[in-house]
Amino acid sequence: MPKLGLAVVSHSERGFFISGGERAPVPFLWIHSRQKTDADLPDGKPGNHLHLMFNANSRAEVEAFHHAALQGGGGESGAPGYQGPEEMGYYAALVFDPDGNTLEAGFRQRAR
């Protein structure tokens, strides 16, 4: 997430806060498991099947996010590229985090 200008600023056993650095220094996103224990979950991982999308400022930012996520232990879910017809202008990458959630970084190019 640092490649998108985001940072985890606080965390607990069940979740974490995300801040946007200088553009949004106050934590604006709290992600947590509503489960008190992992015992009730079929695969024992809180948050599975969660899909979070973050706006990127450029294709380069999308690619940096993807590279950093894979280097950090994430799994491939969708290499950087246009999602749908290129004319639509949506360029994104998707990864699985170590807990199995899907994280997406996307950039929508303005029409020329």
N, C-alpha and C. Protein backbone atom coordinates (compact mmCIF):
# COMPACT_ATOMS: atom_id res chain seq x y z
N MET A 1 0.79 -1.20 0.00
CA MET A 1 0.00 0.00 0.00
C MET A 1 0.84 1.27 0.00
N PRO A 2 2.08 1.24 0.44
CA PRO A 2 2.87 2.47 0.35
C PRO A 2 2.99 3.00 -1.08
N LYS A 3 2.96 2.13 -2.07
CA LYS A 3 3.06 2.57 -3.46
C LYS A 3 1.85 3.38 -3.88
N LEU A 4 0.76 3.29 -3.11
CA LEU A 4 -0.45 4.08 -3.37
C LEU A 4 -0.55 5.26 -2.42
N GLY A 5 0.49 5.50 -1.62
CA GLY A 5 0.47 6.60 -0.66
C GLY A 5 -0.32 6.28 0.59
N LEU A 6 -0.55 5.00 0.87
CA LEU A 6 -1.31 4.58 2.04
C LEU A 6 -0.40 3.89 3.03
N ALA A 7 -0.79 3.93 4.30
CA ALA A 7 0.01 3.27 5.33
C ALA A 7 -0.90 2.71 6.41
N VAL A 8 -0.55 1.54 6.93
CA VAL A 8 -1.22 0.99 8.09
C VAL A 8 -0.64 1.74 9.29
N VAL A 9 -1.49 2.45 10.02
CA VAL A 9 -1.00 3.28 11.13
C VAL A 9 -1.30 2.69 12.50
N SER A 10 -2.15 1.69 12.55
CA SER A 10 -2.46 1.03 13.81
C SER A 10 -3.05 -0.33 13.49
N HIS A 11 -2.78 -1.31 14.32
CA HIS A 11 -3.36 -2.63 14.08
C HIS A 11 -3.59 -3.36 15.39
N SER A 12 -4.47 -4.32 15.33
CA SER A 12 -4.76 -5.18 16.48
C SER A 12 -4.86 -6.60 15.96
N GLU A 13 -5.20 -7.50 16.83
CA GLU A 13 -5.34 -8.91 16.44
C GLU A 13 -6.45 -9.09 15.42
N ARG A 14 -7.46 -8.22 15.45
CA ARG A 14 -8.62 -8.39 14.58
C ARG A 14 -8.71 -7.40 13.43
N GLY A 15 -7.81 -6.43 13.32
CA GLY A 15 -7.95 -5.48 12.23
C GLY A 15 -6.85 -4.44 12.20
N PHE A 16 -7.07 -3.42 11.34
CA PHE A 16 -6.07 -2.36 11.20
C PHE A 16 -6.69 -1.08 10.66
N PHE A 17 -6.02 0.06 10.95
CA PHE A 17 -6.39 1.37 10.44
C PHE A 17 -5.46 1.73 9.30
N ILE A 18 -6.00 2.41 8.28
CA ILE A 18 -5.20 2.87 7.15
C ILE A 18 -5.30 4.39 7.06
N SER A 19 -4.16 5.03 6.80
CA SER A 19 -4.08 6.48 6.61
C SER A 19 -3.56 6.76 5.21
N GLY A 20 -3.88 7.93 4.70
CA GLY A 20 -3.41 8.32 3.38
C GLY A 20 -2.23 9.26 3.39
N GLY A 21 -1.42 9.21 4.45
CA GLY A 21 -0.22 10.04 4.51
C GLY A 21 -0.58 11.52 4.53
N GLU A 22 0.18 12.33 3.82
CA GLU A 22 -0.03 13.78 3.83
C GLU A 22 -1.39 14.19 3.28
N ARG A 23 -1.90 13.44 2.29
CA ARG A 23 -3.19 13.84 1.70
C ARG A 23 -4.37 13.50 2.60
N ALA A 24 -4.20 12.56 3.52
CA ALA A 24 -5.26 12.18 4.46
C ALA A 24 -4.61 11.58 5.70
N PRO A 25 -4.01 12.43 6.57
CA PRO A 25 -3.24 11.92 7.70
C PRO A 25 -4.07 11.22 8.77
N VAL A 26 -5.35 11.56 8.88
CA VAL A 26 -6.19 10.91 9.87
C VAL A 26 -6.61 9.54 9.33
N PRO A 27 -6.51 8.48 10.15
CA PRO A 27 -6.94 7.17 9.65
C PRO A 27 -8.37 7.25 9.12
N PHE A 28 -8.58 6.74 7.92
CA PHE A 28 -9.89 6.85 7.30
C PHE A 28 -10.52 5.50 6.99
N LEU A 29 -9.79 4.44 7.20
CA LEU A 29 -10.34 3.12 6.90
C LEU A 29 -9.93 2.15 8.00
N TRP A 30 -10.92 1.49 8.57
CA TRP A 30 -10.68 0.49 9.60
C TRP A 30 -11.22 -0.82 9.06
N ILE A 31 -10.38 -1.80 8.97
CA ILE A 31 -10.79 -3.11 8.47
C ILE A 31 -10.58 -4.11 9.60
N HIS A 32 -11.62 -4.85 9.90
CA HIS A 32 -11.49 -5.82 10.98
C HIS A 32 -12.42 -7.00 10.76
N SER A 33 -12.12 -8.05 11.47
CA SER A 33 -12.96 -9.25 11.44
C SER A 33 -14.06 -9.09 12.47
N ARG A 34 -15.26 -9.47 12.13
CA ARG A 34 -16.33 -9.43 13.13
C ARG A 34 -16.34 -10.70 13.97
N GLN A 35 -15.51 -11.65 13.58
CA GLN A 35 -15.42 -12.90 14.32
C GLN A 35 -14.60 -12.70 15.59
N LYS A 36 -15.08 -13.27 16.69
CA LYS A 36 -14.32 -13.19 17.93
C LYS A 36 -13.17 -14.18 17.91
N THR A 37 -13.37 -15.30 17.23
CA THR A 37 -12.30 -16.29 17.09
C THR A 37 -12.31 -16.79 15.66
N ASP A 38 -11.26 -17.46 15.28
CA ASP A 38 -11.19 -18.03 13.94
C ASP A 38 -11.87 -19.39 13.86
N ALA A 39 -12.30 -19.93 14.98
CA ALA A 39 -12.83 -21.29 15.02
C ALA A 39 -14.07 -21.47 14.15
N ASP A 40 -14.88 -20.43 14.00
CA ASP A 40 -16.12 -20.54 13.23
C ASP A 40 -15.90 -20.40 11.73
N LEU A 41 -14.71 -20.02 11.33
CA LEU A 41 -14.43 -19.82 9.92
C LEU A 41 -13.93 -21.11 9.29
N PRO A 42 -14.43 -21.47 8.09
CA PRO A 42 -14.05 -22.74 7.47
C PRO A 42 -12.55 -22.88 7.23
N ASP A 43 -11.87 -21.80 6.92
CA ASP A 43 -10.43 -21.91 6.66
C ASP A 43 -9.60 -21.21 7.72
N GLY A 44 -10.25 -20.74 8.78
CA GLY A 44 -9.53 -20.16 9.90
C GLY A 44 -8.89 -18.81 9.64
N LYS A 45 -9.33 -18.09 8.61
CA LYS A 45 -8.72 -16.80 8.30
C LYS A 45 -9.78 -15.70 8.32
N PRO A 46 -9.64 -14.70 9.20
CA PRO A 46 -10.61 -13.61 9.22
C PRO A 46 -10.53 -12.78 7.95
N GLY A 47 -11.67 -12.31 7.48
CA GLY A 47 -11.69 -11.40 6.35
C GLY A 47 -11.66 -12.03 4.98
N ASN A 48 -11.59 -13.35 4.89
CA ASN A 48 -11.53 -13.97 3.56
C ASN A 48 -12.70 -13.53 2.71
N HIS A 49 -12.45 -13.44 1.44
CA HIS A 49 -13.44 -13.08 0.44
C HIS A 49 -13.80 -11.61 0.46
N LEU A 50 -13.00 -10.82 1.13
CA LEU A 50 -13.14 -9.38 1.10
C LEU A 50 -12.41 -8.86 -0.13
N HIS A 51 -13.00 -7.91 -0.85
CA HIS A 51 -12.36 -7.31 -2.03
C HIS A 51 -12.32 -5.81 -1.80
N LEU A 52 -11.11 -5.28 -1.70
CA LEU A 52 -10.94 -3.84 -1.51
C LEU A 52 -10.27 -3.25 -2.75
N MET A 53 -10.80 -2.14 -3.22
CA MET A 53 -10.22 -1.46 -4.39
C MET A 53 -9.72 -0.10 -3.96
N PHE A 54 -8.50 0.23 -4.37
CA PHE A 54 -7.89 1.52 -4.07
C PHE A 54 -7.64 2.25 -5.38
N ASN A 55 -7.92 3.55 -5.40
CA ASN A 55 -7.65 4.36 -6.59
C ASN A 55 -6.17 4.68 -6.65
N ALA A 56 -5.58 4.47 -7.81
CA ALA A 56 -4.20 4.84 -8.05
C ALA A 56 -4.18 6.12 -8.89
N ASN A 57 -3.05 6.80 -8.91
CA ASN A 57 -2.93 8.05 -9.67
C ASN A 57 -2.33 7.86 -11.05
N SER A 58 -1.87 6.65 -11.36
CA SER A 58 -1.25 6.41 -12.66
C SER A 58 -1.11 4.91 -12.89
N ARG A 59 -0.82 4.55 -14.13
CA ARG A 59 -0.53 3.14 -14.44
C ARG A 59 0.72 2.71 -13.69
N ALA A 60 1.71 3.59 -13.59
CA ALA A 60 2.95 3.25 -12.88
C ALA A 60 2.67 2.92 -11.42
N GLU A 61 1.74 3.63 -10.80
CA GLU A 61 1.38 3.36 -9.41
C GLU A 61 0.71 1.99 -9.29
N VAL A 62 -0.14 1.65 -10.25
CA VAL A 62 -0.78 0.32 -10.27
C VAL A 62 0.29 -0.76 -10.35
N GLU A 63 1.25 -0.57 -11.24
CA GLU A 63 2.30 -1.57 -11.43
C GLU A 63 3.20 -1.68 -10.20
N ALA A 64 3.49 -0.54 -9.55
CA ALA A 64 4.30 -0.56 -8.34
C ALA A 64 3.57 -1.27 -7.20
N PHE A 65 2.26 -1.02 -7.08
CA PHE A 65 1.44 -1.71 -6.08
C PHE A 65 1.51 -3.22 -6.29
N HIS A 66 1.31 -3.65 -7.52
CA HIS A 66 1.30 -5.07 -7.85
C HIS A 66 2.65 -5.71 -7.52
N HIS A 67 3.72 -5.08 -7.93
CA HIS A 67 5.06 -5.60 -7.68
C HIS A 67 5.33 -5.70 -6.18
N ALA A 68 5.02 -4.63 -5.44
CA ALA A 68 5.27 -4.62 -4.00
C ALA A 68 4.43 -5.68 -3.29
N ALA A 69 3.19 -5.86 -3.72
CA ALA A 69 2.32 -6.86 -3.09
C ALA A 69 2.86 -8.27 -3.29
N LEU A 70 3.31 -8.57 -4.50
CA LEU A 70 3.87 -9.91 -4.76
C LEU A 70 5.17 -10.11 -4.00
N GLN A 71 6.00 -9.08 -3.94
CA GLN A 71 7.26 -9.17 -3.20
C GLN A 71 7.01 -9.33 -1.70
N GLY A 72 5.89 -8.79 -1.23
CA GLY A 72 5.54 -8.85 0.19
C GLY A 72 4.80 -10.11 0.59
N GLY A 73 4.66 -11.07 -0.31
CA GLY A 73 4.01 -12.33 0.04
C GLY A 73 2.61 -12.49 -0.49
N GLY A 74 2.11 -11.54 -1.25
CA GLY A 74 0.79 -11.67 -1.85
C GLY A 74 0.81 -12.64 -3.01
N GLY A 75 -0.38 -13.05 -3.44
CA GLY A 75 -0.51 -13.97 -4.56
C GLY A 75 -1.14 -13.29 -5.76
N GLU A 76 -0.83 -13.80 -6.92
CA GLU A 76 -1.35 -13.24 -8.18
C GLU A 76 -2.85 -13.48 -8.31
N SER A 77 -3.58 -12.42 -8.64
CA SER A 77 -5.01 -12.53 -8.92
C SER A 77 -5.37 -11.85 -10.23
N GLY A 78 -4.51 -10.97 -10.72
CA GLY A 78 -4.75 -10.28 -11.98
C GLY A 78 -3.61 -9.32 -12.25
N ALA A 79 -2.74 -9.67 -13.18
CA ALA A 79 -1.58 -8.83 -13.50
C ALA A 79 -2.03 -7.46 -13.99
N PRO A 80 -1.19 -6.44 -13.88
CA PRO A 80 -1.56 -5.12 -14.37
C PRO A 80 -1.97 -5.16 -15.84
N GLY A 81 -3.06 -4.50 -16.12
CA GLY A 81 -3.55 -4.45 -17.49
C GLY A 81 -4.92 -3.80 -17.53
N TYR A 82 -5.41 -3.59 -18.74
CA TYR A 82 -6.73 -3.01 -18.90
C TYR A 82 -7.79 -4.05 -18.54
N GLN A 83 -8.76 -3.61 -17.78
CA GLN A 83 -9.89 -4.45 -17.40
C GLN A 83 -11.03 -4.08 -18.32
N GLY A 84 -11.42 -5.00 -19.17
CA GLY A 84 -12.41 -4.69 -20.18
C GLY A 84 -11.72 -4.07 -21.38
N PRO A 85 -12.49 -3.50 -22.29
CA PRO A 85 -11.89 -2.90 -23.48
C PRO A 85 -10.95 -1.75 -23.11
N GLU A 86 -9.82 -1.69 -23.79
CA GLU A 86 -8.85 -0.63 -23.52
C GLU A 86 -9.47 0.76 -23.67
N GLU A 87 -10.43 0.88 -24.56
CA GLU A 87 -11.09 2.17 -24.78
C GLU A 87 -11.80 2.68 -23.52
N MET A 88 -12.16 1.77 -22.63
CA MET A 88 -12.82 2.17 -21.39
C MET A 88 -11.83 2.84 -20.44
N GLY A 89 -10.55 2.56 -20.60
CA GLY A 89 -9.51 3.27 -19.86
C GLY A 89 -9.28 2.84 -18.43
N TYR A 90 -9.80 1.67 -18.01
CA TYR A 90 -9.58 1.25 -16.62
C TYR A 90 -8.43 0.26 -16.56
N TYR A 91 -7.34 0.68 -15.92
CA TYR A 91 -6.11 -0.11 -15.81
C TYR A 91 -5.98 -0.52 -14.35
N ALA A 92 -5.85 -1.81 -14.10
CA ALA A 92 -5.84 -2.28 -12.71
C ALA A 92 -4.97 -3.52 -12.54
N ALA A 93 -4.70 -3.83 -11.29
CA ALA A 93 -4.02 -5.06 -10.90
C ALA A 93 -4.68 -5.57 -9.63
N LEU A 94 -4.75 -6.89 -9.52
CA LEU A 94 -5.36 -7.51 -8.35
C LEU A 94 -4.40 -8.52 -7.75
N VAL A 95 -4.40 -8.59 -6.42
CA VAL A 95 -3.57 -9.57 -5.71
C VAL A 95 -4.38 -10.16 -4.56
N PHE A 96 -3.97 -11.34 -4.13
CA PHE A 96 -4.50 -11.92 -2.90
C PHE A 96 -3.52 -11.57 -1.79
N ASP A 97 -4.02 -11.06 -0.67
CA ASP A 97 -3.13 -10.83 0.45
C ASP A 97 -2.87 -12.17 1.14
N PRO A 98 -1.94 -12.23 2.10
CA PRO A 98 -1.63 -13.51 2.74
C PRO A 98 -2.82 -14.18 3.43
N ASP A 99 -3.88 -13.41 3.73
CA ASP A 99 -5.07 -13.99 4.35
C ASP A 99 -6.11 -14.42 3.33
N GLY A 100 -5.84 -14.23 2.04
CA GLY A 100 -6.76 -14.67 1.01
C GLY A 100 -7.74 -13.62 0.52
N ASN A 101 -7.65 -12.40 1.02
CA ASN A 101 -8.51 -11.32 0.55
C ASN A 101 -7.98 -10.78 -0.77
N THR A 102 -8.83 -10.16 -1.56
CA THR A 102 -8.42 -9.57 -2.82
C THR A 102 -8.23 -8.07 -2.65
N LEU A 103 -7.06 -7.58 -3.07
CA LEU A 103 -6.77 -6.15 -3.07
C LEU A 103 -6.58 -5.72 -4.52
N GLU A 104 -7.18 -4.61 -4.88
CA GLU A 104 -7.12 -4.11 -6.26
C GLU A 104 -6.67 -2.66 -6.25
N ALA A 105 -5.78 -2.33 -7.15
CA ALA A 105 -5.41 -0.93 -7.39
C ALA A 105 -5.80 -0.63 -8.82
N GLY A 106 -6.53 0.46 -9.02
CA GLY A 106 -6.99 0.79 -10.36
C GLY A 106 -6.83 2.25 -10.69
N PHE A 107 -6.62 2.50 -11.97
CA PHE A 107 -6.46 3.86 -12.48
C PHE A 107 -7.34 4.01 -13.71
N ARG A 108 -8.19 5.03 -13.70
CA ARG A 108 -9.04 5.28 -14.86
C ARG A 108 -8.48 6.47 -15.61
N GLN A 109 -8.05 6.20 -16.85
CA GLN A 109 -7.52 7.27 -17.69
C GLN A 109 -8.66 8.13 -18.20
N ARG A 110 -8.43 9.40 -18.22
CA ARG A 110 -9.44 10.32 -18.75
C ARG A 110 -9.47 10.21 -20.26
N ALA A 111 -10.65 10.40 -20.81
CA ALA A 111 -10.80 10.35 -22.28
C ALA A 111 -9.94 11.44 -22.91
N ARG A 112 -9.35 11.09 -24.02
CA ARG A 112 -8.47 12.06 -24.71
C ARG A 112 -9.25 12.96 -25.62
